[in-house]
Amino acid sequence: MKVGIYTLGCKVNAYESEYITSLLKEKGYEICPFTEICDVYVINTCSVTNTSDSKSRKMIHQAKRRNKNACIVAMGCFIEANKQNEIEGVDILIGNKDKSKIVSLIETYFKTRKPIKNLYNDLGTEFENMEIHSFGEKTRAFVKIQDGCENFCTYCIIPFVRGKCRSKDRDLVIKEITSLVNYGYQEIVLTGIHTGNYGVDLGTDFASLLERILKIPNLYRLRISSIEQTELNERVLKLLKNPIIANHLHIPLQSGSENVLKRMNRKYTKEEYHKKIEEIRNIRPDISISTDVIVGFPGETEEMFQESYQFCEEIGFSKIHVFPYSKRNGTAASKFPNQVDEKIQKERVRKLTELSSTLEKSYMEKFLGKDVEVLIETSDSTYSIGHTSNFLLVKALGVFQQEEKVLVQLDQIEYPYCLGTIKERIKKVDETLVTNG
């Protein structure tokens, strides 16, 4: 049978879809592009914004139109957020539990041709174990170490659709990463819904996990997908001295207005956030720090937006992911007065996106004339492309294999690329790095 899989949303969804792909392949299913006529379509949905909801619905309808006789499987956050509602055209409904049962659910459906609805009022406290040994044709592999969030930021639906914090057993994390490294993956990305909160349910913590991971032989690069500034404690900061940890952190800000931060129920002040960034840059002066910012939060005045804008400018992020506030039913902020007009939201998105572009190019310019290590991800007949540790996207003349490491002198910027000249291949003897630094 042919299966088409479509993934929306975050890196956790990407990991889960890769795991589902591996399960289906093991059972003899043929994985095909989602645009082809398939016997089964799997849509791994997202519900972080209204746009995510809309796209989730759209992909479900597209699949049904493509083959009216196909089995349509819809799973994930959009399904959890709408489990009280009928979702037309879906044969198998799964929320954020039982994704590991995908094969048996599909087989049951084809035997009975009866709709299946596996939805729960409570996702429980057990982490649903998944393990992958390869991550498609990609150079970097995601490893999901945690699920759930209990921060309850007033704008966010995720704690309601992902449930309580649940962590993967530490030994299983080490086993999975070791397997991926042995398989040839040079870069591992740790991901979760609330990654830095790892271990809260297991009597351990994120720093302890990092210490173990950094001892895995031949691990070239470890990237942390996202981490809250409140979780960058002294032990984690000390580990940043280890060169295996990528020279890039994504630290959500959400607003640079003190008033808005409080009403968002974020767990820090502007001063605390600023101080943390300074501590990080004292350890790694050239680190790339990206962030998320929401504009148009209920009650955000023009003065508050300007405060947020100026704070982002002052921090000097390497990139800002800008989102207009999206009203999510069931969250505290959906009931807040003074909802901001959509036109005002769009204008604020435009302004902050322009600032992000300026800051990003300014950060890239710091490395002109310098030599950087690049992990090659793709090549055509002329150029090779890859990322540096600090997530610069580098394009250089010369054809190299995926996973090769090369030293590149950066010559100019042709956004989104840094163009450079390859100086030398980094020999394999250099792959075993010091892991206790």
Protein backbone atom coordinates (compact mmCIF):
# COMPACT_ATOMS: atom_id res chain seq x y z
CA MET A 1 0.00 0.00 0.00
CA LYS A 2 1.07 3.56 -0.73
CA VAL A 3 1.16 6.10 2.12
CA GLY A 4 1.50 9.89 1.85
CA ILE A 5 2.53 11.80 4.98
CA TYR A 6 2.14 15.55 5.53
CA THR A 7 3.63 17.27 8.58
CA LEU A 8 2.70 20.69 9.91
CA GLY A 9 4.22 22.63 12.77
CA CYS A 10 7.17 22.05 15.03
CA LYS A 11 10.28 19.85 15.16
CA VAL A 12 8.48 17.48 17.55
CA ASN A 13 5.93 16.80 14.81
CA ALA A 14 8.77 16.31 12.32
CA TYR A 15 10.36 13.73 14.62
CA GLU A 16 7.06 11.92 15.19
CA SER A 17 6.36 11.80 11.45
CA GLU A 18 9.81 10.35 10.81
CA TYR A 19 9.12 7.69 13.43
CA ILE A 20 5.76 6.89 11.84
CA THR A 21 7.49 6.67 8.45
CA SER A 22 9.97 4.13 9.82
CA LEU A 23 7.17 2.01 11.35
CA LEU A 24 5.24 1.93 8.07
CA LYS A 25 8.35 1.07 6.03
CA GLU A 26 9.16 -1.81 8.39
CA LYS A 27 5.69 -3.24 7.71
CA GLY A 28 6.11 -3.04 3.95
CA TYR A 29 4.18 0.15 3.21
CA GLU A 30 5.51 2.34 0.39
CA ILE A 31 6.06 5.97 1.42
CA CYS A 32 5.13 8.32 -1.44
CA PRO A 33 4.84 12.09 -1.93
CA PHE A 34 1.65 13.43 -0.36
CA THR A 35 0.64 14.83 -3.77
CA GLU A 36 0.40 11.33 -5.30
CA ILE A 37 -2.65 9.04 -5.34
CA CYS A 38 -2.18 6.95 -2.19
CA ASP A 39 -4.11 4.31 -0.27
CA VAL A 40 -3.44 6.05 3.06
CA TYR A 41 -2.84 9.69 3.92
CA VAL A 42 -1.44 10.72 7.28
CA ILE A 43 -1.72 14.36 8.32
CA ASN A 44 0.25 15.29 11.45
CA THR A 45 -1.51 18.52 12.39
CA CYS A 46 -0.67 21.72 14.26
CA SER A 47 -2.83 24.13 16.24
CA VAL A 48 -0.44 26.79 17.51
CA THR A 49 -2.25 29.53 15.49
CA ASN A 50 -5.47 29.99 13.54
CA THR A 51 -3.39 29.69 10.36
CA SER A 52 -2.15 26.27 11.55
CA ASP A 53 -5.73 25.15 12.13
CA SER A 54 -6.76 26.35 8.68
CA LYS A 55 -3.87 24.56 6.98
CA SER A 56 -4.55 21.36 8.92
CA ARG A 57 -8.15 21.36 7.68
CA LYS A 58 -7.00 22.16 4.15
CA MET A 59 -4.58 19.21 4.00
CA ILE A 60 -7.24 16.80 5.30
CA HIS A 61 -9.68 17.96 2.61
CA GLN A 62 -6.97 17.82 -0.09
CA ALA A 63 -6.20 14.21 0.76
CA LYS A 64 -9.85 13.19 0.63
CA ARG A 65 -10.34 14.90 -2.73
CA ARG A 66 -7.23 13.23 -4.14
CA ASN A 67 -8.53 9.74 -3.41
CA LYS A 68 -12.04 9.43 -1.97
CA ASN A 69 -11.42 5.75 -1.20
CA ALA A 70 -8.22 6.36 0.77
CA CYS A 71 -7.89 5.91 4.52
CA ILE A 72 -7.41 9.41 6.00
CA VAL A 73 -5.48 9.52 9.27
CA ALA A 74 -5.41 12.85 11.14
CA MET A 75 -3.42 13.21 14.32
CA GLY A 76 -1.79 15.79 16.57
CA CYS A 77 -2.57 19.15 18.13
CA PHE A 78 -5.39 20.29 15.83
CA ILE A 79 -7.23 17.06 16.56
CA GLU A 80 -6.71 17.45 20.33
CA ALA A 81 -7.95 21.06 20.20
CA ASN A 82 -11.08 20.00 18.30
CA LYS A 83 -11.85 16.62 19.82
CA GLN A 84 -15.36 17.70 20.77
CA ASN A 85 -16.11 18.58 17.14
CA GLU A 86 -16.77 16.41 14.11
CA ILE A 87 -13.92 16.48 11.61
CA GLU A 88 -15.38 15.53 8.28
CA GLY A 89 -13.67 13.05 5.99
CA VAL A 90 -11.30 11.50 8.56
CA ASP A 91 -11.24 7.72 9.07
CA ILE A 92 -8.71 7.50 11.92
CA LEU A 93 -8.51 10.24 14.53
CA ILE A 94 -5.56 10.29 16.95
CA GLY A 95 -4.58 13.16 19.22
CA ASN A 96 -1.13 13.31 20.83
CA LYS A 97 -1.28 9.76 22.14
CA ASP A 98 -1.16 6.41 20.31
CA LYS A 99 0.89 7.70 17.37
CA SER A 100 3.14 4.67 17.90
CA LYS A 101 0.09 2.45 17.18
CA ILE A 102 -0.36 3.83 13.66
CA VAL A 103 0.25 0.53 11.84
CA SER A 104 -2.22 -1.54 13.88
CA LEU A 105 -4.84 1.21 13.61
CA ILE A 106 -4.52 1.32 9.81
CA GLU A 107 -4.69 -2.48 9.58
CA THR A 108 -7.78 -2.55 11.81
CA TYR A 109 -9.46 0.08 9.65
CA PHE A 110 -8.90 -1.85 6.43
CA LYS A 111 -10.29 -5.01 8.03
CA THR A 112 -13.46 -3.38 9.38
CA ARG A 113 -13.83 -0.19 7.29
CA LYS A 114 -15.19 1.43 10.45
CA PRO A 115 -13.96 4.86 11.64
CA ILE A 116 -11.52 4.82 14.57
CA LYS A 117 -11.40 7.59 17.17
CA ASN A 118 -8.60 7.22 19.74
CA LEU A 119 -8.93 10.39 21.81
CA TYR A 120 -8.46 10.81 25.56
CA ASN A 121 -9.52 13.32 28.20
CA ASP A 122 -6.08 13.02 29.80
CA LEU A 123 -2.82 12.25 27.97
CA GLY A 124 -1.37 10.81 31.18
CA THR A 125 2.09 11.06 32.70
CA GLU A 126 3.93 8.43 30.67
CA PHE A 127 6.19 9.43 27.78
CA GLU A 128 5.20 7.57 24.61
CA ASN A 129 8.49 6.01 23.59
CA MET A 130 9.64 6.41 20.03
CA GLU A 131 13.07 5.65 18.59
CA ILE A 132 14.47 6.38 15.16
CA HIS A 133 17.68 5.10 13.58
CA SER A 134 17.73 7.37 10.53
CA PHE A 135 16.21 10.70 9.61
CA GLY A 136 15.51 10.46 5.90
CA GLU A 137 18.07 12.05 3.61
CA LYS A 138 18.83 14.87 6.03
CA THR A 139 22.20 15.72 7.57
CA ARG A 140 20.83 16.52 11.00
CA ALA A 141 18.61 14.19 13.02
CA PHE A 142 16.02 15.29 15.56
CA VAL A 143 15.67 13.43 18.83
CA LYS A 144 12.52 14.01 20.86
CA ILE A 145 13.42 13.97 24.55
CA GLN A 146 10.32 15.49 26.11
CA ASP A 147 6.62 16.18 25.57
CA GLY A 148 4.05 18.44 27.23
CA CYS A 149 4.16 21.85 28.88
CA GLU A 150 2.80 23.25 32.14
CA ASN A 151 3.80 26.91 31.79
CA PHE A 152 0.31 28.03 30.76
CA CYS A 153 1.31 31.23 29.03
CA THR A 154 -1.99 33.07 28.60
CA TYR A 155 -1.87 33.06 24.77
CA CYS A 156 -0.88 29.41 24.29
CA ILE A 157 -3.06 26.37 23.54
CA ILE A 158 -0.15 23.89 23.72
CA PRO A 159 -0.45 22.88 27.43
CA PHE A 160 -4.07 21.90 26.70
CA VAL A 161 -3.27 19.80 23.61
CA ARG A 162 0.10 18.32 24.64
CA GLY A 163 -0.61 17.64 28.31
CA LYS A 164 1.70 17.39 31.29
CA CYS A 165 5.49 17.35 31.05
CA ARG A 166 6.71 13.85 30.22
CA SER A 167 10.35 12.95 29.64
CA LYS A 168 12.06 10.13 27.77
CA ASP A 169 14.17 7.77 29.85
CA ARG A 170 17.74 9.09 29.89
CA ASP A 171 19.27 5.75 28.89
CA LEU A 172 16.94 5.56 25.89
CA VAL A 173 17.96 9.07 24.81
CA ILE A 174 21.64 8.10 24.96
CA LYS A 175 20.97 4.85 23.09
CA GLU A 176 19.07 6.64 20.32
CA ILE A 177 21.67 9.38 19.84
CA THR A 178 24.50 6.85 19.88
CA SER A 179 22.71 4.82 17.21
CA LEU A 180 22.21 7.89 15.01
CA VAL A 181 25.84 8.96 15.38
CA ASN A 182 27.00 5.45 14.51
CA TYR A 183 24.68 5.54 11.50
CA GLY A 184 26.59 8.61 10.31
CA TYR A 185 24.63 11.63 11.49
CA GLN A 186 26.97 14.50 12.28
CA GLU A 187 24.44 16.79 13.96
CA ILE A 188 21.81 15.89 16.55
CA VAL A 189 19.01 18.32 17.43
CA LEU A 190 17.39 17.89 20.85
CA THR A 191 13.72 18.73 20.64
CA GLY A 192 10.63 18.73 22.82
CA ILE A 193 7.60 20.87 23.60
CA HIS A 194 9.43 22.29 26.64
CA THR A 195 12.92 20.93 26.01
CA GLY A 196 14.77 22.63 28.87
CA ASN A 197 12.26 21.24 31.37
CA TYR A 198 13.49 17.72 30.60
CA GLY A 199 13.60 15.40 33.61
CA VAL A 200 11.18 17.24 35.90
CA ASP A 201 9.10 14.05 36.09
CA LEU A 202 12.08 11.69 36.36
CA GLY A 203 13.97 13.27 39.24
CA THR A 204 16.72 14.55 36.94
CA ASP A 205 17.29 17.63 34.78
CA PHE A 206 18.41 18.93 31.39
CA ALA A 207 21.99 19.65 32.49
CA SER A 208 22.48 16.05 33.64
CA LEU A 209 21.22 14.78 30.29
CA LEU A 210 23.55 17.14 28.39
CA GLU A 211 26.52 15.92 30.42
CA ARG A 212 25.81 12.34 29.35
CA ILE A 213 25.16 13.20 25.71
CA LEU A 214 28.42 15.12 25.41
CA LYS A 215 30.35 11.95 26.28
CA ILE A 216 29.00 10.04 23.27
CA PRO A 217 31.99 9.22 21.00
CA ASN A 218 32.18 10.92 17.57
CA LEU A 219 29.28 13.30 18.18
CA TYR A 220 30.29 16.30 16.06
CA ARG A 221 27.54 18.80 16.80
CA LEU A 222 24.66 18.98 19.30
CA ARG A 223 21.97 21.58 18.71
CA ILE A 224 19.28 22.59 21.21
CA SER A 225 16.10 23.39 19.28
CA SER A 226 14.67 25.90 21.76
CA ILE A 227 15.16 26.69 25.43
CA GLU A 228 13.60 29.14 27.87
CA GLN A 229 15.92 31.65 29.49
CA THR A 230 14.73 30.44 32.90
CA GLU A 231 16.23 27.00 32.14
CA LEU A 232 19.67 28.31 31.20
CA ASN A 233 20.94 27.79 34.73
CA GLU A 234 24.55 27.84 35.91
CA ARG A 235 25.17 24.17 35.06
CA VAL A 236 23.78 24.50 31.52
CA LEU A 237 25.77 27.70 30.95
CA LYS A 238 28.94 25.92 32.09
CA LEU A 239 28.31 23.20 29.51
CA LEU A 240 28.13 25.84 26.77
CA LYS A 241 31.93 25.95 26.97
CA ASN A 242 31.94 22.57 25.22
CA PRO A 243 32.46 23.15 21.46
CA ILE A 244 30.21 20.21 20.57
CA ILE A 245 27.17 22.28 21.58
CA ALA A 246 26.22 24.37 18.55
CA ASN A 247 27.05 28.05 18.70
CA HIS A 248 23.38 28.95 18.40
CA LEU A 249 20.54 29.15 20.89
CA HIS A 250 16.88 29.87 20.22
CA ILE A 251 15.54 31.63 23.33
CA PRO A 252 11.89 32.75 23.07
CA LEU A 253 11.27 36.31 24.26
CA GLN A 254 7.62 36.75 23.12
CA SER A 255 7.60 40.44 24.07
CA GLY A 256 10.06 43.16 25.02
CA SER A 257 7.34 45.05 26.89
CA GLU A 258 7.34 44.54 30.66
CA ASN A 259 3.59 45.03 30.82
CA VAL A 260 2.88 42.53 28.05
CA LEU A 261 5.29 39.94 29.50
CA LYS A 262 3.37 39.97 32.79
CA ARG A 263 0.02 39.57 31.09
CA MET A 264 1.42 36.75 28.97
CA ASN A 265 2.38 34.96 32.21
CA ARG A 266 5.99 34.68 31.09
CA LYS A 267 8.29 33.71 33.94
CA TYR A 268 10.92 36.49 33.69
CA THR A 269 11.40 40.23 33.45
CA LYS A 270 13.15 42.15 30.68
CA GLU A 271 16.08 42.75 33.01
CA GLU A 272 16.42 39.02 33.77
CA TYR A 273 16.27 38.16 30.08
CA HIS A 274 18.89 40.79 29.20
CA LYS A 275 21.20 39.61 31.97
CA LYS A 276 20.96 36.00 30.76
CA ILE A 277 21.93 37.03 27.23
CA GLU A 278 24.95 38.87 28.62
CA GLU A 279 26.01 35.78 30.59
CA ILE A 280 25.76 33.64 27.46
CA ARG A 281 27.77 36.10 25.37
CA ASN A 282 30.47 36.26 28.05
CA ILE A 283 30.95 32.53 27.49
CA ARG A 284 30.49 32.61 23.68
CA PRO A 285 30.94 36.12 22.26
CA ASP A 286 30.03 35.16 18.67
CA ILE A 287 26.99 33.03 19.50
CA SER A 288 23.89 33.33 17.33
CA ILE A 289 20.79 34.02 19.44
CA SER A 290 17.42 33.85 17.73
CA THR A 291 14.01 34.36 19.29
CA ASP A 292 10.22 34.37 18.93
CA VAL A 293 8.15 37.54 19.38
CA ILE A 294 4.37 37.91 19.36
CA VAL A 295 2.96 41.28 18.30
CA GLY A 296 -0.58 42.56 18.76
CA PHE A 297 -1.17 40.78 22.08
CA PRO A 298 -4.45 41.99 23.65
CA GLY A 299 -3.90 45.43 25.16
CA GLU A 300 -0.55 46.00 23.42
CA THR A 301 -0.45 49.76 22.78
CA GLU A 302 1.80 51.45 20.24
CA GLU A 303 4.08 52.49 23.12
CA MET A 304 4.33 48.87 24.30
CA PHE A 305 5.13 47.71 20.78
CA GLN A 306 7.87 50.34 20.48
CA GLU A 307 9.28 49.18 23.83
CA SER A 308 9.37 45.63 22.49
CA TYR A 309 10.93 46.75 19.19
CA GLN A 310 13.67 48.73 20.94
CA PHE A 311 14.45 45.87 23.31
CA CYS A 312 14.91 43.48 20.36
CA GLU A 313 17.18 46.05 18.71
CA GLU A 314 19.17 46.42 21.93
CA ILE A 315 19.64 42.66 22.37
CA GLY A 316 20.76 42.34 18.75
CA PHE A 317 19.22 38.98 17.91
CA SER A 318 20.56 37.14 14.86
CA LYS A 319 16.97 36.42 13.80
CA ILE A 320 13.46 37.18 15.10
CA HIS A 321 10.56 34.87 14.27
CA VAL A 322 7.61 37.27 14.32
CA PHE A 323 4.03 36.12 14.90
CA PRO A 324 0.81 38.13 15.07
CA TYR A 325 -1.18 37.22 18.19
CA SER A 326 -3.64 34.45 17.38
CA LYS A 327 -6.74 34.12 19.54
CA ARG A 328 -7.02 30.54 20.77
CA ASN A 329 -10.29 29.50 22.39
CA GLY A 330 -9.77 28.09 25.87
CA THR A 331 -6.76 30.26 26.69
CA ALA A 332 -6.87 33.08 29.23
CA ALA A 333 -5.86 35.74 26.67
CA SER A 334 -8.83 34.91 24.43
CA LYS A 335 -11.02 36.60 27.07
CA PHE A 336 -8.76 39.63 27.56
CA PRO A 337 -10.22 43.04 26.61
CA ASN A 338 -8.70 45.35 23.97
CA GLN A 339 -8.01 42.75 21.28
CA VAL A 340 -5.74 44.43 18.71
CA ASP A 341 -7.07 45.13 15.22
CA GLU A 342 -5.71 42.83 12.48
CA LYS A 343 -4.43 45.75 10.38
CA ILE A 344 -2.39 47.04 13.31
CA GLN A 345 -1.04 43.54 13.91
CA LYS A 346 0.06 43.24 10.27
CA GLU A 347 1.87 46.60 10.38
CA ARG A 348 3.71 45.61 13.57
CA VAL A 349 4.67 42.26 12.01
CA ARG A 350 6.07 44.16 9.00
CA LYS A 351 8.15 46.52 11.15
CA LEU A 352 9.61 43.80 13.36
CA THR A 353 10.30 41.54 10.38
CA GLU A 354 12.25 44.37 8.75
CA LEU A 355 14.26 44.76 11.96
CA SER A 356 14.93 41.01 11.98
CA SER A 357 16.27 41.20 8.42
CA THR A 358 18.57 44.09 9.35
CA LEU A 359 19.87 42.31 12.45
CA GLU A 360 20.37 39.04 10.59
CA LYS A 361 22.46 40.66 7.85
CA SER A 362 24.44 42.58 10.46
CA TYR A 363 25.23 39.33 12.27
CA MET A 364 26.29 37.65 9.02
CA GLU A 365 28.63 40.56 8.16
CA LYS A 366 30.63 39.94 11.35
CA PHE A 367 32.03 36.77 9.79
CA LEU A 368 33.14 38.17 6.42
CA GLY A 369 36.82 37.39 5.86
CA LYS A 370 36.78 34.73 8.57
CA ASP A 371 37.22 30.95 8.26
CA VAL A 372 34.28 28.83 9.39
CA GLU A 373 33.60 25.08 9.58
CA VAL A 374 30.68 24.00 7.42
CA LEU A 375 28.84 20.69 7.57
CA ILE A 376 27.78 19.98 3.97
CA GLU A 377 24.08 19.19 3.53
CA THR A 378 23.59 19.27 -0.23
CA SER A 379 25.48 19.80 -3.49
CA ASP A 380 24.68 20.36 -7.14
CA SER A 381 27.14 20.16 -10.04
CA THR A 382 28.82 23.42 -9.00
CA TYR A 383 28.14 24.41 -5.39
CA SER A 384 27.99 22.86 -1.93
CA ILE A 385 25.67 24.18 0.79
CA GLY A 386 25.64 23.66 4.53
CA HIS A 387 25.38 25.28 7.94
CA THR A 388 27.98 26.39 10.43
CA SER A 389 27.70 25.75 14.13
CA ASN A 390 26.16 29.22 14.55
CA PHE A 391 23.60 28.42 11.82
CA LEU A 392 25.01 30.55 9.02
CA LEU A 393 23.84 29.13 5.70
CA VAL A 394 26.97 28.86 3.56
CA LYS A 395 27.23 28.31 -0.19
CA ALA A 396 30.65 27.65 -1.71
CA LEU A 397 32.08 26.66 -5.08
CA GLY A 398 33.03 22.98 -5.16
CA VAL A 399 31.25 19.64 -4.97
CA PHE A 400 31.40 17.75 -1.69
CA GLN A 401 29.43 14.86 -0.25
CA GLN A 402 26.68 15.21 2.32
CA GLU A 403 28.14 14.98 5.85
CA GLU A 404 31.59 16.17 4.77
CA LYS A 405 33.12 18.98 6.79
CA VAL A 406 34.99 21.79 5.07
CA LEU A 407 36.76 24.98 6.09
CA VAL A 408 35.33 27.98 4.24
CA GLN A 409 36.46 31.60 4.09
CA LEU A 410 33.38 33.81 3.92
CA ASP A 411 33.66 36.43 1.16
CA GLN A 412 30.26 38.07 0.69
CA ILE A 413 26.59 37.95 1.58
CA GLU A 414 23.94 37.01 -0.92
CA TYR A 415 21.01 36.66 1.46
CA PRO A 416 20.08 34.12 2.74
CA TYR A 417 23.53 32.71 1.92
CA CYS A 418 27.02 33.59 3.03
CA LEU A 419 29.15 32.96 -0.05
CA GLY A 420 32.62 31.63 0.53
CA THR A 421 35.74 29.94 -0.77
CA ILE A 422 36.52 26.41 0.37
CA LYS A 423 40.04 26.30 1.79
CA GLU A 424 40.30 22.67 2.76
CA ARG A 425 38.52 19.47 3.67
CA ILE A 426 38.52 18.77 7.38
CA LYS A 427 40.08 15.36 7.72
CA LYS A 428 38.24 12.53 9.41
CA VAL A 429 40.91 12.33 12.08
CA ASP A 430 39.47 15.54 13.47
CA GLU A 431 36.00 14.07 13.95
CA THR A 432 36.60 12.74 17.46
CA LEU A 433 36.34 15.89 19.54
CA VAL A 434 37.09 16.39 23.21
CA THR A 435 33.79 15.70 24.93
CA ASN A 436 34.56 16.73 28.48
CA GLY A 437 35.68 20.29 27.77
